[in-house]
Protein backbone atom coordinates (compact mmCIF):
# COMPACT_ATOMS: atom_id res chain seq x y z
CA UNK A 1 140.70 78.40 46.46
CA UNK A 2 143.06 78.85 49.26
CA UNK A 3 144.93 82.08 49.52
CA UNK A 4 148.10 83.16 51.28
CA UNK A 5 146.70 86.56 52.43
CA UNK A 6 143.12 87.94 52.59
CA UNK A 7 142.50 91.74 53.42
CA UNK A 8 139.26 92.79 54.79
CA UNK A 9 138.06 96.37 54.15
CA UNK A 10 134.98 98.15 55.21
CA UNK A 11 134.37 99.67 51.65
CA UNK A 12 135.75 99.13 48.32
CA UNK A 13 138.87 101.25 47.64
CA UNK A 14 140.02 101.06 51.48
CA UNK A 15 142.41 98.42 50.78
CA UNK A 16 143.96 100.31 47.75
CA UNK A 17 144.36 103.29 49.43
CA UNK A 18 146.16 101.72 52.56
CA UNK A 19 148.26 98.58 51.07
CA UNK A 20 147.83 98.32 47.70
CA UNK A 21 151.68 98.51 47.39
CA UNK A 22 151.88 95.52 49.63
CA UNK A 23 149.14 93.66 47.76
CA UNK A 24 151.03 94.26 44.70
CA UNK A 25 154.40 93.15 46.09
CA UNK A 26 152.82 89.94 47.23
CA UNK A 27 150.85 89.12 44.12
CA UNK A 28 153.63 89.95 41.82
CA UNK A 29 155.68 87.47 44.06
CA UNK A 30 153.16 84.89 42.91
CA UNK A 31 151.46 84.70 46.35
CA UNK A 32 147.63 84.37 46.24
CA UNK A 33 145.94 87.56 47.61
CA UNK A 34 142.45 88.43 48.16
CA UNK A 35 140.39 91.14 49.19
CA UNK A 36 136.82 90.80 50.79
CA UNK A 37 134.82 93.98 50.79
CA UNK A 38 132.04 94.20 53.70
CA UNK A 39 130.02 96.76 52.01
CA UNK A 40 129.47 98.25 48.46
CA UNK A 41 129.90 101.66 49.94
CA UNK A 42 126.20 102.48 49.18
CA UNK A 43 126.38 105.69 51.51
CA UNK A 44 129.16 107.07 49.74
CA UNK A 45 128.47 110.73 48.66
CA UNK A 46 130.16 110.12 45.13
CA UNK A 47 129.48 107.17 42.57
CA UNK A 48 126.80 104.56 42.91
CA UNK A 49 126.86 100.75 44.11
CA UNK A 50 127.07 99.91 40.52
CA UNK A 51 130.09 102.46 39.77
CA UNK A 52 131.83 101.29 42.78
CA UNK A 53 131.52 97.79 41.87
CA UNK A 54 133.09 98.34 38.40
CA UNK A 55 135.89 100.20 39.71
CA UNK A 56 136.50 97.62 42.29
CA UNK A 57 136.72 94.95 39.36
CA UNK A 58 139.07 97.07 37.58
CA UNK A 59 141.33 97.59 40.79
CA UNK A 60 141.60 93.96 41.16
CA UNK A 61 142.79 93.26 38.00
CA UNK A 62 145.50 95.88 38.21
CA UNK A 63 146.34 94.36 41.52
CA UNK A 64 146.48 90.80 40.01
CA UNK A 65 144.21 89.56 43.24
CA UNK A 66 143.21 85.76 43.09
CA UNK A 67 139.66 86.75 44.63
CA UNK A 68 137.40 89.94 45.45
CA UNK A 69 134.19 89.53 47.03
CA UNK A 70 131.75 91.58 48.90
CA UNK A 71 129.89 90.55 51.86
CA UNK A 72 127.01 92.87 51.12
CA UNK A 73 126.72 94.15 54.76
CA UNK A 74 124.79 97.28 54.90
CA UNK A 75 127.11 100.46 54.62
CA UNK A 76 127.05 102.56 57.73
CA UNK A 77 125.85 99.73 59.48
CA UNK A 78 128.65 97.14 60.34
CA UNK A 79 127.15 95.59 63.69
CA UNK A 80 128.92 92.88 65.19
CA UNK A 81 126.16 90.50 65.43
CA UNK A 82 125.63 86.99 64.70
CA UNK A 83 124.85 87.26 60.90
CA UNK A 84 127.65 89.48 60.01
CA UNK A 85 130.26 87.45 62.28
CA UNK A 86 129.12 84.20 60.60
CA UNK A 87 129.81 85.91 57.32
CA UNK A 88 133.29 86.75 57.89
CA UNK A 89 133.97 83.45 59.75
CA UNK A 90 132.65 81.66 56.31
CA UNK A 91 135.11 83.66 54.41
CA UNK A 92 138.02 82.90 56.41
CA UNK A 93 137.35 79.29 56.17
CA UNK A 94 136.76 79.11 52.65
CA UNK A 95 139.84 80.69 51.90
CA UNK A 96 142.07 79.55 54.92
CA UNK A 97 144.61 82.34 54.49
CA UNK A 98 147.69 82.34 56.32
CA UNK A 99 147.51 85.97 57.24
CA UNK A 100 144.57 88.57 57.16
CA UNK A 101 144.80 92.17 57.30
CA UNK A 102 141.89 94.73 58.75
CA UNK A 103 141.59 98.39 59.49
CA UNK A 104 143.11 99.50 62.54
CA UNK A 105 140.90 99.73 65.28
CA UNK A 106 140.95 103.47 65.85
CA UNK A 107 139.81 105.78 62.95
CA UNK A 108 137.51 108.61 62.14
CA UNK A 109 135.19 106.73 60.28
CA UNK A 110 132.88 104.38 62.69
CA UNK A 111 132.55 101.69 59.80
CA UNK A 112 136.53 101.20 59.81
CA UNK A 113 136.32 100.73 63.83
CA UNK A 114 133.42 98.46 63.29
CA UNK A 115 134.97 96.47 60.68
CA UNK A 116 138.41 95.93 62.81
CA UNK A 117 136.47 94.61 65.64
CA UNK A 118 134.25 92.17 63.60
CA UNK A 119 137.09 90.76 61.60
CA UNK A 120 139.33 90.11 65.08
CA UNK A 121 136.47 88.37 66.75
CA UNK A 122 135.83 86.35 63.32
CA UNK A 123 139.50 85.35 63.21
CA UNK A 124 139.01 83.82 66.72
CA UNK A 125 135.55 82.30 66.25
CA UNK A 126 136.78 80.67 62.88
CA UNK A 127 138.97 78.44 64.88
CA UNK A 128 136.39 77.09 67.24
CA UNK A 129 135.47 73.46 66.14
CA UNK A 130 132.07 73.68 67.66
CA UNK A 131 131.04 76.88 65.66
CA UNK A 132 129.42 75.40 62.44
CA UNK A 133 129.44 76.96 59.26
CA UNK A 134 128.29 75.68 55.76
CA UNK A 135 129.31 76.54 52.34
CA UNK A 136 126.95 75.65 49.77
CA UNK A 137 125.78 73.00 52.23
CA UNK A 138 128.97 71.38 52.74
CA UNK A 139 130.47 71.69 56.38
CA UNK A 140 133.21 74.10 56.57
CA UNK A 141 136.28 72.88 58.61
CA UNK A 142 137.34 75.39 61.63
CA UNK A 143 140.40 77.45 60.75
CA UNK A 144 142.51 80.19 62.16
CA UNK A 145 144.89 82.06 60.42
CA UNK A 146 148.23 82.68 61.82
CA UNK A 147 148.41 86.51 62.00
CA UNK A 148 146.17 89.38 62.09
CA UNK A 149 147.97 92.75 61.06
CA UNK A 150 146.05 96.23 60.73
CA UNK A 151 146.64 98.64 58.23
CA UNK A 152 146.59 102.40 58.49
CA UNK A 153 143.51 104.71 57.61
CA UNK A 154 143.16 108.16 58.39
CA UNK A 155 144.73 108.11 62.03
CA UNK A 156 148.34 107.19 62.48
CA UNK A 157 149.85 104.54 64.83
CA UNK A 158 153.39 103.43 65.81
CA UNK A 159 153.91 100.90 63.40
CA UNK A 160 155.10 97.25 64.32
CA UNK A 161 156.83 97.07 60.73
CA UNK A 162 156.85 98.99 57.59
CA UNK A 163 156.85 97.32 54.34
CA UNK A 164 159.12 98.71 51.22
CA UNK A 165 156.57 99.18 48.24
CA UNK A 166 159.03 101.55 46.25
CA UNK A 167 158.72 99.31 43.17
CA UNK A 168 155.15 98.80 43.28
CA UNK A 169 153.74 102.54 44.34
CA UNK A 170 152.84 103.17 40.75
CA UNK A 171 150.74 100.26 40.87
CA UNK A 172 149.25 101.28 44.14
CA UNK A 173 148.39 104.59 42.67
CA UNK A 174 146.92 102.92 39.45
CA UNK A 175 144.47 100.79 41.48
CA UNK A 176 143.60 103.68 43.92
CA UNK A 177 142.55 105.67 40.48
CA UNK A 178 140.91 103.07 39.45
CA UNK A 179 138.03 104.33 41.75
CA UNK A 180 137.73 107.42 39.67
CA UNK A 181 134.13 108.65 40.88
CA UNK A 182 135.90 109.13 44.70
CA UNK A 183 138.72 111.08 44.04
CA UNK A 184 139.55 114.33 42.46
CA UNK A 185 138.33 115.02 39.04
CA UNK A 186 137.92 118.47 37.97
CA UNK A 187 135.07 117.22 35.47
CA UNK A 188 132.89 115.82 38.40
CA UNK A 189 129.82 117.51 39.11
CA UNK A 190 129.20 115.64 42.30
CA UNK A 191 129.95 117.00 45.73
CA UNK A 192 133.19 117.46 47.24
CA UNK A 193 134.15 114.79 50.06
CA UNK A 194 137.01 114.62 52.39
CA UNK A 195 138.91 112.05 50.02
CA UNK A 196 137.90 114.08 46.56
CA UNK A 197 140.00 116.98 47.43
CA UNK A 198 142.85 117.37 45.21
CA UNK A 199 145.04 117.22 48.38
CA UNK A 200 144.21 113.97 49.39
CA UNK A 201 146.04 111.63 46.81
CA UNK A 202 149.13 113.91 47.72
CA UNK A 203 148.85 113.30 51.36
CA UNK A 204 148.48 109.45 50.43
CA UNK A 205 151.81 109.67 48.65
CA UNK A 206 153.26 112.04 51.26
CA UNK A 207 152.77 109.21 53.62
CA UNK A 208 154.12 106.60 51.82
CA UNK A 209 157.29 108.78 51.71
CA UNK A 210 157.32 109.31 55.36
CA UNK A 211 157.16 105.62 56.15
CA UNK A 212 159.40 104.82 53.31
CA UNK A 213 162.12 107.33 54.74
CA UNK A 214 162.11 105.57 58.08
CA UNK A 215 163.28 102.29 56.71
CA UNK A 216 165.53 104.04 54.17
CA UNK A 217 163.19 103.29 50.93
CA UNK A 218 161.41 105.73 48.80
CA UNK A 219 158.02 104.49 49.61
CA UNK A 220 156.82 102.34 52.73
CA UNK A 221 153.38 100.96 53.93
CA UNK A 222 152.94 100.98 57.76
CA UNK A 223 151.37 98.09 59.75
CA UNK A 224 150.37 97.12 63.35
CA UNK A 225 150.34 93.73 65.24
CA UNK A 226 148.96 93.37 68.82
CA UNK A 227 151.17 90.35 69.07
CA UNK A 228 154.98 89.99 69.16
CA UNK A 229 156.57 89.28 65.63
CA UNK A 230 159.78 87.16 65.32
CA UNK A 231 162.65 88.87 63.28
CA UNK A 232 164.58 86.40 61.27
CA UNK A 233 168.28 88.15 61.36
CA UNK A 234 169.40 85.94 58.54
CA UNK A 235 167.26 87.98 56.31
CA UNK A 236 169.13 90.94 57.47
CA UNK A 237 172.65 89.48 57.12
CA UNK A 238 172.25 88.25 53.32
């Protein structure tokens, strides 16, 4: 299946926390959207590989994803080696998305930084005809998406653009809460983490309000692009 948009995330729940409103807006507009998680998040303090897999599947249903896959790269060890690079290249060539999203390249979590660099390199390599990859013993054609956009995790940046997700914010938070082992639950006996504090989801909502306010909307999600983006004035003049 070819996709319109493909999101790469270091861990299950990263895409939901950062851009699930945008994902919901796209999927509800009949665009084909997929998420490829690089790891299973097996080093996470709370939950297990199995519970996170179930939670990711539930979030995928909520967001109406066309696909969700996991590359099974070891959590905490997203190395920029040939094996991992080829895994990402093969995913890009398999789904041939017009746009890809990746974590911003500066963040508190080293996995997010490593994932960002790995995806950027894979996007370039995927377009090289002399780099050969095979999917089920069938040669894949070289392919390079049109754009790479970065989503915001813990550290902020000056956005290149902000997407209005006001009508989809409830879907976003429903998808986030699908990862019930990871976030605040007064009944949980597991250790508290950076994201399991009750204030964390309030922070996610507050940040969406801040960026929404900047574009005159209720909720917004910020993105960054290293390249210049053309603005179609006709859309503003409708």
